[in-house]
Protein backbone atom coordinates (compact mmCIF):
# COMPACT_ATOMS: atom_id res chain seq x y z
CA GLN A 1 -0.01 -0.01 0.06
CA VAL A 2 1.02 3.52 -0.76
CA GLN A 3 -0.37 6.64 0.96
CA LEU A 4 -0.27 10.03 -0.63
CA VAL A 5 -0.99 13.58 1.13
CA GLU A 6 -1.04 16.64 -0.80
CA SER A 7 -0.54 20.28 0.67
CA GLY A 8 0.33 23.55 -0.53
CA GLY A 9 -2.96 24.71 -2.35
CA GLY A 10 -4.48 28.02 -1.73
CA LEU A 11 -5.68 31.27 -3.30
CA VAL A 12 -3.47 33.17 -5.69
CA GLN A 13 -3.86 35.96 -8.21
CA THR A 14 -3.43 35.59 -11.96
CA GLY A 15 0.32 35.29 -12.80
CA GLY A 16 1.31 34.12 -9.52
CA SER A 17 2.95 30.92 -8.12
CA LEU A 18 2.33 28.09 -5.80
CA ARG A 19 4.23 24.81 -5.07
CA LEU A 20 2.23 21.77 -4.23
CA SER A 21 3.90 18.80 -2.25
CA CYS A 22 2.86 15.36 -2.23
CA ALA A 23 4.26 13.23 0.86
CA VAL A 24 4.55 9.62 -0.19
CA SER A 25 4.60 6.62 2.31
CA GLY A 26 4.14 2.85 2.55
CA ARG A 27 5.83 -0.26 2.35
CA THR A 28 7.73 0.07 -0.79
CA LEU A 29 8.21 3.06 -2.93
CA ASN A 30 10.49 1.66 -5.46
CA ASN A 31 9.77 2.33 -9.15
CA LEU A 32 6.71 4.63 -8.40
CA VAL A 33 5.80 7.05 -11.13
CA MET A 34 4.33 10.00 -9.51
CA ALA A 35 1.68 12.07 -11.36
CA TRP A 36 -0.42 15.20 -10.83
CA PHE A 37 -4.10 15.43 -11.84
CA ARG A 38 -6.62 18.23 -11.49
CA GLN A 39 -10.23 18.26 -11.59
CA ALA A 40 -12.43 21.37 -11.77
CA PRO A 41 -16.25 21.37 -10.99
CA GLY A 42 -18.26 19.62 -13.68
CA GLU A 43 -15.17 18.37 -15.31
CA GLU A 44 -13.44 15.09 -15.66
CA ARG A 45 -10.12 14.52 -13.98
CA GLU A 46 -7.25 15.70 -16.06
CA PHE A 47 -3.67 14.74 -16.33
CA VAL A 48 -1.40 17.51 -15.64
CA GLY A 49 2.10 15.99 -15.53
CA ALA A 50 4.11 12.84 -14.22
CA ILE A 51 7.70 11.85 -13.18
CA THR A 52 9.52 8.55 -13.23
CA TYR A 53 11.02 7.19 -10.07
CA GLY A 54 14.62 8.30 -10.94
CA GLY A 55 13.25 11.72 -12.33
CA GLY A 56 14.87 10.89 -15.74
CA SER A 57 11.60 11.34 -17.59
CA THR A 58 8.74 13.75 -17.22
CA SER A 59 5.43 14.39 -19.24
CA TYR A 60 3.26 17.30 -19.20
CA VAL A 61 -0.15 18.26 -20.73
CA ASP A 62 0.38 20.93 -23.37
CA LEU A 63 -1.68 23.37 -21.32
CA VAL A 64 0.88 23.53 -18.61
CA LYS A 65 4.17 23.09 -20.61
CA GLY A 66 6.65 25.74 -19.72
CA ARG A 67 4.62 26.86 -16.70
CA PHE A 68 4.50 23.85 -14.36
CA THR A 69 7.42 21.51 -13.25
CA ILE A 70 7.30 18.36 -11.48
CA SER A 71 10.17 17.19 -9.36
CA ARG A 72 10.75 14.55 -6.67
CA ASP A 73 13.22 14.08 -3.72
CA ASN A 74 13.19 10.37 -3.09
CA ALA A 75 15.09 10.76 0.08
CA GLN A 76 12.50 12.87 1.46
CA ASN A 77 9.61 10.76 -0.18
CA THR A 78 8.19 14.00 -1.65
CA VAL A 79 6.99 15.02 -5.03
CA TYR A 80 6.45 18.61 -6.00
CA LEU A 81 4.48 20.50 -8.51
CA GLN A 82 5.89 24.09 -9.04
CA MET A 83 3.21 26.19 -10.79
CA ASN A 84 4.24 29.51 -12.24
CA GLY A 85 2.14 31.82 -14.55
CA LEU A 86 -1.06 30.58 -13.04
CA LYS A 87 -4.32 31.31 -14.79
CA PRO A 88 -7.98 31.24 -13.63
CA GLU A 89 -8.43 28.19 -15.68
CA ASP A 90 -5.78 26.35 -13.60
CA SER A 91 -8.27 26.57 -10.75
CA ALA A 92 -9.24 23.03 -9.62
CA VAL A 93 -8.53 20.25 -6.90
CA TYR A 94 -5.14 18.94 -7.72
CA TYR A 95 -4.47 15.34 -6.91
CA CYS A 96 -1.32 13.31 -6.41
CA ALA A 97 -1.35 9.77 -7.77
CA ALA A 98 1.05 6.83 -8.12
CA ARG A 99 1.60 3.75 -10.24
CA ARG A 100 4.56 1.54 -11.01
CA TYR A 101 7.00 1.66 -13.71
CA ILE A 102 5.70 3.78 -16.64
CA ILE A 103 3.97 7.11 -17.16
CA VAL A 104 0.51 6.75 -18.49
CA ARG A 105 -1.90 9.89 -18.89
CA ASN A 106 -5.30 8.21 -18.01
CA ALA A 107 -6.53 8.52 -14.51
CA GLY A 108 -7.68 4.89 -14.45
CA GLY A 109 -4.03 3.72 -14.81
CA TYR A 110 -3.21 5.11 -11.31
CA ASP A 111 -3.40 2.85 -8.36
CA TYR A 112 -3.02 5.19 -5.41
CA TRP A 113 -4.49 8.73 -4.81
CA GLY A 114 -4.33 11.46 -2.47
CA GLN A 115 -7.37 13.41 -1.15
CA GLY A 116 -6.59 16.47 -3.22
CA THR A 117 -5.61 20.22 -2.54
CA GLN A 118 -7.78 23.08 -3.75
CA VAL A 119 -5.92 25.66 -5.99
CA THR A 120 -7.92 28.85 -6.87
CA VAL A 121 -6.59 31.63 -9.18
CA SER A 122 -8.40 34.84 -9.04
CA SER A 123 -8.70 37.13 -12.09
C-alpha cells in the first residue's frame, strides 16, 4: 500500500505561483511513477504531468508546458508541482497519484491517490 498526502494549495492571483507537495509513504516506494491530476467542478479529472522514479523522464499536458514543473526528492519521499504563471483556468482540486514503472496519462491507470488540495486563481 502507498499513502499520498497533498499540501500547498491556496488562493493566488493571476500570474502568481504556488508549489504543491505530495508526501509519499508505504511499504515500498521503489519504481513509483508520480503524477499530478486536476479536476475542476463539472469536469473530468485531467492529467497535468508525471515523473518517473529516477526523475529521468517527465511528461506534461500541453496546457501547462513551460509553466509547471514536476520534481521529486526520493530521500524525502516527496513530489512537488511548481506552478508559475497561474491562470484562472488552472483553478481546480489537484491530486497526487502513483503507479509502478511507466507514465500513463489516464486516471484509471493509477493505483494510489491522495485526497486533493484546492488551487484557486483569481482574475
